[in-house]
Amino acid sequence: QVQLVESGGGLVQAGGSLRLSCAASGSIISFDVMGWYRQAPGKQRELVAGNISGGSTNYADSVKGRFTISRDNAKNTVYLQMNSLKPEDTAVYYCHLFDSRSYRGSWGQGTQVTVSS
């Protein structure tokens, strides 16, 4: 099973930017579905950005125009560029990869993002 490790989280002031990375232990080419989720204290995990290869990319309304999901298959890495961060973006962010043909999926362990006002 492919292991995922997120990095790039941290403390940033409102209006700042962070780029989260999700590095896989093996090839991610077969994973046609990728997504970034987040979970704030006391709240349910929610989808922030999702993409299906060859299909559309979806963003939560709260992050549209500010966040961008991307992948680099050569580096086995998925990214989430986060700009114009707001305090309400504070959460633990998780990456998720899923192979819709084999129904195999993997989650990362999460990385904390804290945005101060």
N, C-alpha and C. Protein backbone atom coordinates (compact mmCIF):
# COMPACT_ATOMS: atom_id res chain seq x y z
N GLN A 1 0.84 -1.19 0.00
CA GLN A 1 0.00 0.00 0.00
C GLN A 1 0.88 1.25 0.00
N VAL A 2 0.48 2.24 -0.78
CA VAL A 2 1.25 3.47 -0.86
C VAL A 2 1.05 4.28 0.42
N GLN A 3 2.15 4.73 0.99
CA GLN A 3 2.10 5.59 2.17
C GLN A 3 2.19 7.04 1.73
N LEU A 4 1.40 7.90 2.39
CA LEU A 4 1.38 9.33 2.06
C LEU A 4 1.86 10.13 3.26
N VAL A 5 2.70 11.12 3.00
CA VAL A 5 3.21 11.97 4.07
C VAL A 5 3.02 13.42 3.66
N GLU A 6 2.21 14.14 4.44
CA GLU A 6 2.00 15.56 4.17
C GLU A 6 3.06 16.40 4.85
N SER A 7 3.34 17.54 4.27
CA SER A 7 4.26 18.51 4.86
C SER A 7 3.89 19.89 4.36
N GLY A 8 4.51 20.90 4.97
CA GLY A 8 4.29 22.27 4.52
C GLY A 8 3.34 23.07 5.40
N GLY A 9 2.74 22.41 6.37
CA GLY A 9 1.86 23.15 7.28
C GLY A 9 2.66 24.02 8.23
N GLY A 10 1.94 24.82 8.99
CA GLY A 10 2.61 25.68 9.96
C GLY A 10 1.72 26.83 10.37
N LEU A 11 2.35 27.81 10.99
CA LEU A 11 1.66 29.00 11.46
C LEU A 11 1.92 30.13 10.48
N VAL A 12 0.85 30.79 10.05
CA VAL A 12 0.98 31.88 9.10
C VAL A 12 -0.04 32.96 9.46
N GLN A 13 0.29 34.19 9.16
CA GLN A 13 -0.64 35.29 9.40
C GLN A 13 -1.72 35.32 8.32
N ALA A 14 -2.85 35.86 8.68
CA ALA A 14 -3.93 36.02 7.71
C ALA A 14 -3.42 36.81 6.50
N GLY A 15 -3.82 36.33 5.33
CA GLY A 15 -3.35 36.93 4.08
C GLY A 15 -2.13 36.26 3.50
N GLY A 16 -1.50 35.41 4.29
CA GLY A 16 -0.30 34.73 3.84
C GLY A 16 -0.60 33.51 2.99
N SER A 17 0.47 32.80 2.61
CA SER A 17 0.36 31.63 1.74
C SER A 17 1.14 30.45 2.31
N LEU A 18 0.69 29.28 1.98
CA LEU A 18 1.40 28.04 2.28
C LEU A 18 1.21 27.09 1.10
N ARG A 19 2.19 26.23 0.90
CA ARG A 19 2.02 25.15 -0.07
C ARG A 19 2.19 23.83 0.65
N LEU A 20 1.14 23.06 0.66
CA LEU A 20 1.19 21.73 1.25
C LEU A 20 1.64 20.72 0.21
N SER A 21 2.44 19.78 0.66
CA SER A 21 2.89 18.70 -0.20
C SER A 21 2.45 17.37 0.38
N CYS A 22 2.17 16.44 -0.48
CA CYS A 22 1.79 15.08 -0.08
C CYS A 22 2.66 14.13 -0.89
N ALA A 23 3.68 13.61 -0.24
CA ALA A 23 4.64 12.74 -0.92
C ALA A 23 4.25 11.29 -0.73
N ALA A 24 4.22 10.55 -1.82
CA ALA A 24 3.85 9.14 -1.78
C ALA A 24 5.10 8.26 -1.80
N SER A 25 4.98 7.09 -1.17
CA SER A 25 6.11 6.16 -1.11
C SER A 25 6.30 5.39 -2.40
N GLY A 26 5.34 5.50 -3.30
CA GLY A 26 5.43 4.82 -4.58
C GLY A 26 4.73 5.63 -5.66
N SER A 27 4.60 5.03 -6.81
CA SER A 27 3.99 5.71 -7.94
C SER A 27 2.53 6.07 -7.66
N ILE A 28 2.16 7.27 -8.09
CA ILE A 28 0.78 7.71 -7.91
C ILE A 28 0.01 7.72 -9.24
N ILE A 29 0.64 7.22 -10.27
CA ILE A 29 0.03 7.29 -11.60
C ILE A 29 -1.33 6.60 -11.63
N SER A 30 -1.45 5.49 -10.91
CA SER A 30 -2.68 4.71 -10.97
C SER A 30 -3.82 5.34 -10.17
N PHE A 31 -3.49 6.32 -9.34
CA PHE A 31 -4.53 6.96 -8.53
C PHE A 31 -5.14 8.11 -9.33
N ASP A 32 -6.32 7.87 -9.87
CA ASP A 32 -6.94 8.86 -10.73
C ASP A 32 -7.74 9.91 -9.96
N VAL A 33 -7.95 9.67 -8.70
CA VAL A 33 -8.70 10.63 -7.89
C VAL A 33 -7.77 11.14 -6.78
N MET A 34 -7.69 12.44 -6.65
CA MET A 34 -6.89 13.02 -5.58
C MET A 34 -7.70 14.10 -4.88
N GLY A 35 -7.40 14.27 -3.62
CA GLY A 35 -8.15 15.27 -2.89
C GLY A 35 -7.41 15.73 -1.65
N TRP A 36 -7.73 16.93 -1.25
CA TRP A 36 -7.27 17.47 0.02
C TRP A 36 -8.51 17.72 0.88
N TYR A 37 -8.43 17.28 2.13
CA TYR A 37 -9.51 17.45 3.09
C TYR A 37 -8.94 18.21 4.29
N ARG A 38 -9.84 18.74 5.09
CA ARG A 38 -9.39 19.37 6.33
C ARG A 38 -10.42 19.10 7.43
N GLN A 39 -9.90 19.15 8.65
CA GLN A 39 -10.76 18.95 9.81
C GLN A 39 -10.35 19.92 10.89
N ALA A 40 -11.28 20.79 11.23
CA ALA A 40 -11.06 21.75 12.30
C ALA A 40 -11.57 21.15 13.60
N PRO A 41 -11.09 21.61 14.75
CA PRO A 41 -11.54 21.08 16.03
C PRO A 41 -13.05 21.15 16.18
N GLY A 42 -13.65 20.02 16.55
CA GLY A 42 -15.08 19.98 16.77
C GLY A 42 -15.92 19.93 15.51
N LYS A 43 -15.26 19.82 14.36
CA LYS A 43 -15.99 19.79 13.09
C LYS A 43 -15.69 18.52 12.34
N GLN A 44 -16.55 18.21 11.38
CA GLN A 44 -16.33 17.04 10.54
C GLN A 44 -15.28 17.33 9.48
N ARG A 45 -14.65 16.26 9.02
CA ARG A 45 -13.70 16.41 7.93
C ARG A 45 -14.45 16.83 6.67
N GLU A 46 -13.90 17.79 5.95
CA GLU A 46 -14.57 18.28 4.74
C GLU A 46 -13.61 18.29 3.56
N LEU A 47 -14.17 18.13 2.38
CA LEU A 47 -13.38 18.17 1.16
C LEU A 47 -13.05 19.62 0.83
N VAL A 48 -11.79 19.90 0.64
CA VAL A 48 -11.33 21.23 0.27
C VAL A 48 -11.16 21.34 -1.24
N ALA A 49 -10.50 20.35 -1.82
CA ALA A 49 -10.25 20.36 -3.26
C ALA A 49 -10.15 18.93 -3.75
N GLY A 50 -10.73 18.65 -4.89
CA GLY A 50 -10.70 17.30 -5.43
C GLY A 50 -10.57 17.33 -6.94
N ASN A 51 -9.89 16.33 -7.47
CA ASN A 51 -9.69 16.25 -8.91
C ASN A 51 -9.73 14.82 -9.38
N ILE A 52 -10.38 14.60 -10.52
CA ILE A 52 -10.37 13.30 -11.19
C ILE A 52 -9.59 13.48 -12.48
N SER A 53 -8.60 12.63 -12.70
CA SER A 53 -7.77 12.75 -13.89
C SER A 53 -8.63 12.78 -15.15
N GLY A 54 -8.39 13.76 -15.98
CA GLY A 54 -9.16 13.90 -17.20
C GLY A 54 -10.53 14.50 -16.98
N GLY A 55 -10.81 14.84 -15.75
CA GLY A 55 -12.12 15.39 -15.42
C GLY A 55 -12.02 16.74 -14.78
N SER A 56 -12.99 17.07 -14.00
CA SER A 56 -13.06 18.40 -13.42
C SER A 56 -12.36 18.46 -12.07
N THR A 57 -12.08 19.67 -11.67
CA THR A 57 -11.55 19.95 -10.35
C THR A 57 -12.60 20.70 -9.55
N ASN A 58 -12.83 20.27 -8.35
CA ASN A 58 -13.84 20.89 -7.51
C ASN A 58 -13.21 21.48 -6.25
N TYR A 59 -13.69 22.62 -5.88
CA TYR A 59 -13.21 23.29 -4.67
C TYR A 59 -14.40 23.62 -3.77
N ALA A 60 -14.16 23.57 -2.48
CA ALA A 60 -15.17 24.05 -1.54
C ALA A 60 -15.40 25.54 -1.81
N ASP A 61 -16.62 25.98 -1.66
CA ASP A 61 -16.94 27.39 -1.93
C ASP A 61 -16.05 28.33 -1.11
N SER A 62 -15.72 27.89 0.08
CA SER A 62 -14.96 28.75 0.98
C SER A 62 -13.52 28.98 0.53
N VAL A 63 -13.02 28.15 -0.41
CA VAL A 63 -11.62 28.29 -0.82
C VAL A 63 -11.47 28.61 -2.30
N LYS A 64 -12.57 28.68 -3.02
CA LYS A 64 -12.50 28.95 -4.46
C LYS A 64 -11.77 30.26 -4.73
N GLY A 65 -10.87 30.21 -5.70
CA GLY A 65 -10.09 31.39 -6.05
C GLY A 65 -8.88 31.60 -5.18
N ARG A 66 -8.76 30.83 -4.10
CA ARG A 66 -7.61 30.98 -3.20
C ARG A 66 -6.71 29.74 -3.17
N PHE A 67 -7.30 28.56 -3.32
CA PHE A 67 -6.55 27.30 -3.23
C PHE A 67 -6.45 26.66 -4.62
N THR A 68 -5.35 25.96 -4.85
CA THR A 68 -5.16 25.24 -6.10
C THR A 68 -4.56 23.87 -5.82
N ILE A 69 -5.21 22.83 -6.34
CA ILE A 69 -4.69 21.46 -6.20
C ILE A 69 -3.94 21.08 -7.46
N SER A 70 -2.85 20.37 -7.30
CA SER A 70 -2.08 19.93 -8.46
C SER A 70 -1.31 18.66 -8.10
N ARG A 71 -0.73 18.04 -9.11
CA ARG A 71 0.06 16.82 -8.88
C ARG A 71 1.25 16.80 -9.81
N ASP A 72 2.30 16.12 -9.36
CA ASP A 72 3.48 15.89 -10.18
C ASP A 72 3.75 14.39 -10.13
N ASN A 73 3.33 13.68 -11.15
CA ASN A 73 3.48 12.23 -11.16
C ASN A 73 4.95 11.81 -11.13
N ALA A 74 5.80 12.61 -11.74
CA ALA A 74 7.23 12.26 -11.77
C ALA A 74 7.83 12.30 -10.38
N LYS A 75 7.28 13.15 -9.52
CA LYS A 75 7.78 13.26 -8.14
C LYS A 75 6.89 12.52 -7.15
N ASN A 76 5.85 11.86 -7.66
CA ASN A 76 4.91 11.14 -6.78
C ASN A 76 4.38 12.04 -5.67
N THR A 77 4.01 13.24 -6.03
CA THR A 77 3.61 14.24 -5.04
C THR A 77 2.37 15.00 -5.50
N VAL A 78 1.52 15.27 -4.54
CA VAL A 78 0.33 16.09 -4.75
C VAL A 78 0.49 17.35 -3.92
N TYR A 79 0.00 18.46 -4.46
CA TYR A 79 0.19 19.75 -3.79
C TYR A 79 -1.14 20.44 -3.55
N LEU A 80 -1.12 21.34 -2.57
CA LEU A 80 -2.23 22.26 -2.36
C LEU A 80 -1.62 23.63 -2.10
N GLN A 81 -1.76 24.52 -3.07
CA GLN A 81 -1.30 25.89 -2.90
C GLN A 81 -2.43 26.68 -2.26
N MET A 82 -2.12 27.33 -1.15
CA MET A 82 -3.13 28.07 -0.40
C MET A 82 -2.70 29.52 -0.30
N ASN A 83 -3.47 30.40 -0.87
CA ASN A 83 -3.19 31.84 -0.84
C ASN A 83 -4.29 32.57 -0.09
N SER A 84 -3.98 33.79 0.30
CA SER A 84 -4.95 34.65 1.00
C SER A 84 -5.60 33.90 2.15
N LEU A 85 -4.79 33.29 2.96
CA LEU A 85 -5.30 32.46 4.04
C LEU A 85 -6.07 33.28 5.07
N LYS A 86 -7.08 32.63 5.63
CA LYS A 86 -7.96 33.25 6.63
C LYS A 86 -7.91 32.42 7.91
N PRO A 87 -8.22 33.04 9.04
CA PRO A 87 -8.24 32.27 10.29
C PRO A 87 -9.16 31.05 10.22
N GLU A 88 -10.24 31.14 9.47
CA GLU A 88 -11.15 30.00 9.36
C GLU A 88 -10.59 28.85 8.53
N ASP A 89 -9.43 29.04 7.93
CA ASP A 89 -8.76 27.94 7.23
C ASP A 89 -7.95 27.07 8.19
N THR A 90 -7.88 27.48 9.44
CA THR A 90 -7.14 26.71 10.44
C THR A 90 -7.74 25.32 10.60
N ALA A 91 -6.91 24.30 10.44
CA ALA A 91 -7.38 22.91 10.50
C ALA A 91 -6.20 21.98 10.28
N VAL A 92 -6.45 20.71 10.47
CA VAL A 92 -5.50 19.68 10.04
C VAL A 92 -5.88 19.30 8.61
N TYR A 93 -4.91 19.33 7.73
CA TYR A 93 -5.15 19.05 6.32
C TYR A 93 -4.63 17.66 5.96
N TYR A 94 -5.45 16.90 5.24
CA TYR A 94 -5.13 15.54 4.86
C TYR A 94 -5.20 15.38 3.34
N CYS A 95 -4.28 14.62 2.80
CA CYS A 95 -4.39 14.29 1.38
C CYS A 95 -4.94 12.88 1.25
N HIS A 96 -5.57 12.65 0.13
CA HIS A 96 -6.21 11.36 -0.14
C HIS A 96 -6.05 11.03 -1.61
N LEU A 97 -5.62 9.82 -1.87
CA LEU A 97 -5.52 9.32 -3.24
C LEU A 97 -6.38 8.08 -3.36
N PHE A 98 -7.04 7.93 -4.52
CA PHE A 98 -7.95 6.81 -4.72
C PHE A 98 -7.87 6.33 -6.16
N ASP A 99 -7.79 5.01 -6.30
CA ASP A 99 -7.79 4.38 -7.62
C ASP A 99 -9.19 3.84 -7.84
N SER A 100 -9.93 4.48 -8.71
CA SER A 100 -11.34 4.11 -8.90
C SER A 100 -11.52 2.77 -9.61
N ARG A 101 -10.44 2.23 -10.20
CA ARG A 101 -10.56 0.94 -10.88
C ARG A 101 -10.35 -0.20 -9.91
N SER A 102 -9.43 -0.06 -9.00
CA SER A 102 -9.16 -1.13 -8.04
C SER A 102 -9.75 -0.85 -6.66
N TYR A 103 -10.33 0.32 -6.50
CA TYR A 103 -10.89 0.76 -5.21
C TYR A 103 -9.84 0.80 -4.11
N ARG A 104 -8.61 1.06 -4.48
CA ARG A 104 -7.55 1.24 -3.49
C ARG A 104 -7.41 2.71 -3.17
N GLY A 105 -7.22 2.99 -1.89
CA GLY A 105 -7.06 4.38 -1.50
C GLY A 105 -6.09 4.51 -0.35
N SER A 106 -5.53 5.70 -0.20
CA SER A 106 -4.60 5.97 0.89
C SER A 106 -4.84 7.37 1.44
N TRP A 107 -4.64 7.48 2.76
CA TRP A 107 -4.73 8.76 3.45
C TRP A 107 -3.37 9.10 4.05
N GLY A 108 -3.07 10.38 4.10
CA GLY A 108 -1.91 10.83 4.83
C GLY A 108 -2.25 11.01 6.30
N GLN A 109 -1.24 11.34 7.09
CA GLN A 109 -1.43 11.47 8.53
C GLN A 109 -1.89 12.86 8.94
N GLY A 110 -1.83 13.80 8.02
CA GLY A 110 -2.30 15.15 8.29
C GLY A 110 -1.18 16.11 8.63
N THR A 111 -1.41 17.37 8.31
CA THR A 111 -0.47 18.44 8.66
C THR A 111 -1.28 19.64 9.17
N GLN A 112 -0.82 20.22 10.26
CA GLN A 112 -1.56 21.31 10.90
C GLN A 112 -1.29 22.63 10.19
N VAL A 113 -2.37 23.33 9.90
CA VAL A 113 -2.29 24.70 9.37
C VAL A 113 -2.99 25.62 10.36
N THR A 114 -2.30 26.63 10.82
CA THR A 114 -2.87 27.58 11.76
C THR A 114 -2.69 28.99 11.18
N VAL A 115 -3.80 29.69 11.04
CA VAL A 115 -3.77 31.04 10.49
C VAL A 115 -4.16 32.02 11.59
N SER A 116 -3.27 32.92 11.91
CA SER A 116 -3.53 33.90 12.97
C SER A 116 -4.10 35.19 12.37
N SER A 117 -4.93 35.82 13.17
CA SER A 117 -5.59 37.05 12.69
C SER A 117 -4.75 38.28 13.01
